[in-house]
Amino acid sequence: MRYAVAASGSWVDPEGVRRPAGEVHVWSPGTNQTLCGLALSRSHLERFPHVDWGDVRPESGRHADEVRRICPRCDAGTGRRRDGSPRRRPTRRPPR
């Protein structure tokens, strides 16, 4: 699943492209709410369909220049751990 970004603010990079700023949330294009359940219009969040969720993480070095906070509920909903590594699904042991 491809996740886009919704943010509380925006800035324009030197190339003239609008980028997310402030607090960022996971948003699936075609829906009107974030993964954590915030309504985009009521929360006054801007949509960034051209920015992937992985690009707003500070360690990515991509579009995170003005990001101040990543929503922990949205981040957990994407299946990532706090350290940024992908979450592994538990494996079942075969019956004895």
Protein backbone atom coordinates (compact mmCIF):
# COMPACT_ATOMS: atom_id res chain seq x y z
CA MET A 1 0.00 0.00 0.00
CA ARG A 2 1.29 3.45 -0.89
CA TYR A 3 0.93 6.03 1.82
CA ALA A 4 1.00 9.75 1.13
CA VAL A 5 1.35 12.60 3.61
CA ALA A 6 -0.96 15.12 5.26
CA ALA A 7 0.68 17.89 7.29
CA SER A 8 -0.16 20.87 9.45
CA GLY A 9 1.93 23.21 7.29
CA SER A 10 3.92 23.52 4.09
CA TRP A 11 6.99 25.15 2.62
CA VAL A 12 8.32 25.56 -0.93
CA ASP A 13 11.72 24.09 -1.76
CA PRO A 14 14.23 25.91 -4.04
CA GLU A 15 12.83 24.04 -7.06
CA GLY A 16 9.36 25.44 -6.38
CA VAL A 17 7.79 22.21 -5.10
CA ARG A 18 5.44 22.34 -2.10
CA ARG A 19 6.67 20.13 0.78
CA PRO A 20 5.17 19.14 4.17
CA ALA A 21 6.05 20.96 7.39
CA GLY A 22 5.06 20.82 11.04
CA GLU A 23 3.25 17.69 12.20
CA VAL A 24 2.87 14.97 9.56
CA HIS A 25 0.33 12.16 9.31
CA VAL A 26 -0.21 9.18 7.01
CA TRP A 27 -2.91 9.75 4.42
CA SER A 28 -4.23 7.37 1.76
CA PRO A 29 -5.25 9.27 -1.39
CA GLY A 30 -8.95 8.91 -2.01
CA THR A 31 -9.87 9.15 1.68
CA ASN A 32 -10.72 12.15 3.81
CA GLN A 33 -8.94 11.07 6.98
CA THR A 34 -5.51 10.14 8.24
CA LEU A 35 -4.54 6.66 9.34
CA CYS A 36 -4.93 7.73 12.99
CA GLY A 37 -8.49 8.92 12.32
CA LEU A 38 -8.17 12.70 11.99
CA ALA A 39 -10.52 14.29 9.45
CA LEU A 40 -8.37 16.28 7.01
CA SER A 41 -10.75 19.22 6.67
CA ARG A 42 -11.60 19.56 10.37
CA SER A 43 -7.96 19.26 11.40
CA HIS A 44 -6.88 21.80 8.75
CA LEU A 45 -4.31 19.38 7.34
CA GLU A 46 -2.87 19.91 3.87
CA ARG A 47 -2.60 16.97 1.47
CA PHE A 48 0.67 16.02 -0.22
CA PRO A 49 -0.16 13.21 -2.68
CA HIS A 50 3.24 13.64 -4.38
CA VAL A 51 5.21 12.91 -1.16
CA ASP A 52 5.60 9.31 0.06
CA TRP A 53 5.41 8.59 3.77
CA GLY A 54 8.95 7.20 3.87
CA ASP A 55 10.32 10.51 2.54
CA VAL A 56 9.26 12.58 5.57
CA ARG A 57 11.26 10.55 8.06
CA PRO A 58 14.35 12.50 9.18
CA GLU A 59 16.68 9.59 8.46
CA SER A 60 15.55 9.53 4.81
CA GLY A 61 17.12 12.94 4.18
CA ARG A 62 14.52 13.67 1.51
CA HIS A 63 11.58 15.94 2.32
CA ALA A 64 11.93 16.11 6.11
CA ASP A 65 13.63 19.51 6.35
CA GLU A 66 10.68 21.28 7.98
CA VAL A 67 8.98 18.27 9.63
CA ARG A 68 8.77 18.86 13.39
CA ARG A 69 6.77 15.83 14.54
CA ILE A 70 5.73 12.49 13.08
CA CYS A 71 2.40 11.20 14.40
CA PRO A 72 3.29 8.07 16.40
CA ARG A 73 -0.13 6.49 15.82
CA CYS A 74 0.15 6.91 12.06
CA ASP A 75 3.72 5.65 12.09
CA ALA A 76 2.69 2.54 14.02
CA GLY A 77 -0.22 1.98 11.65
CA THR A 78 2.16 1.64 8.71
CA GLY A 79 3.83 -1.33 10.37
CA ARG A 80 7.05 0.37 11.42
CA ARG A 81 8.72 0.28 14.80
CA ARG A 82 9.87 3.35 16.70
CA ASP A 83 13.43 2.72 15.56
CA GLY A 84 12.24 2.82 11.92
CA SER A 85 12.77 -0.84 11.13
CA PRO A 86 9.94 -2.82 9.55
CA ARG A 87 7.83 -4.87 11.93
CA ARG A 88 8.14 -8.62 11.48
CA ARG A 89 5.10 -10.80 11.78
CA PRO A 90 5.34 -13.53 14.39
CA THR A 91 5.84 -16.99 12.98
CA ARG A 92 3.80 -19.91 14.21
CA ARG A 93 5.55 -22.95 15.52
CA PRO A 94 4.51 -26.22 13.92
CA PRO A 95 2.52 -28.54 16.22
CA ARG A 96 4.52 -31.22 17.98
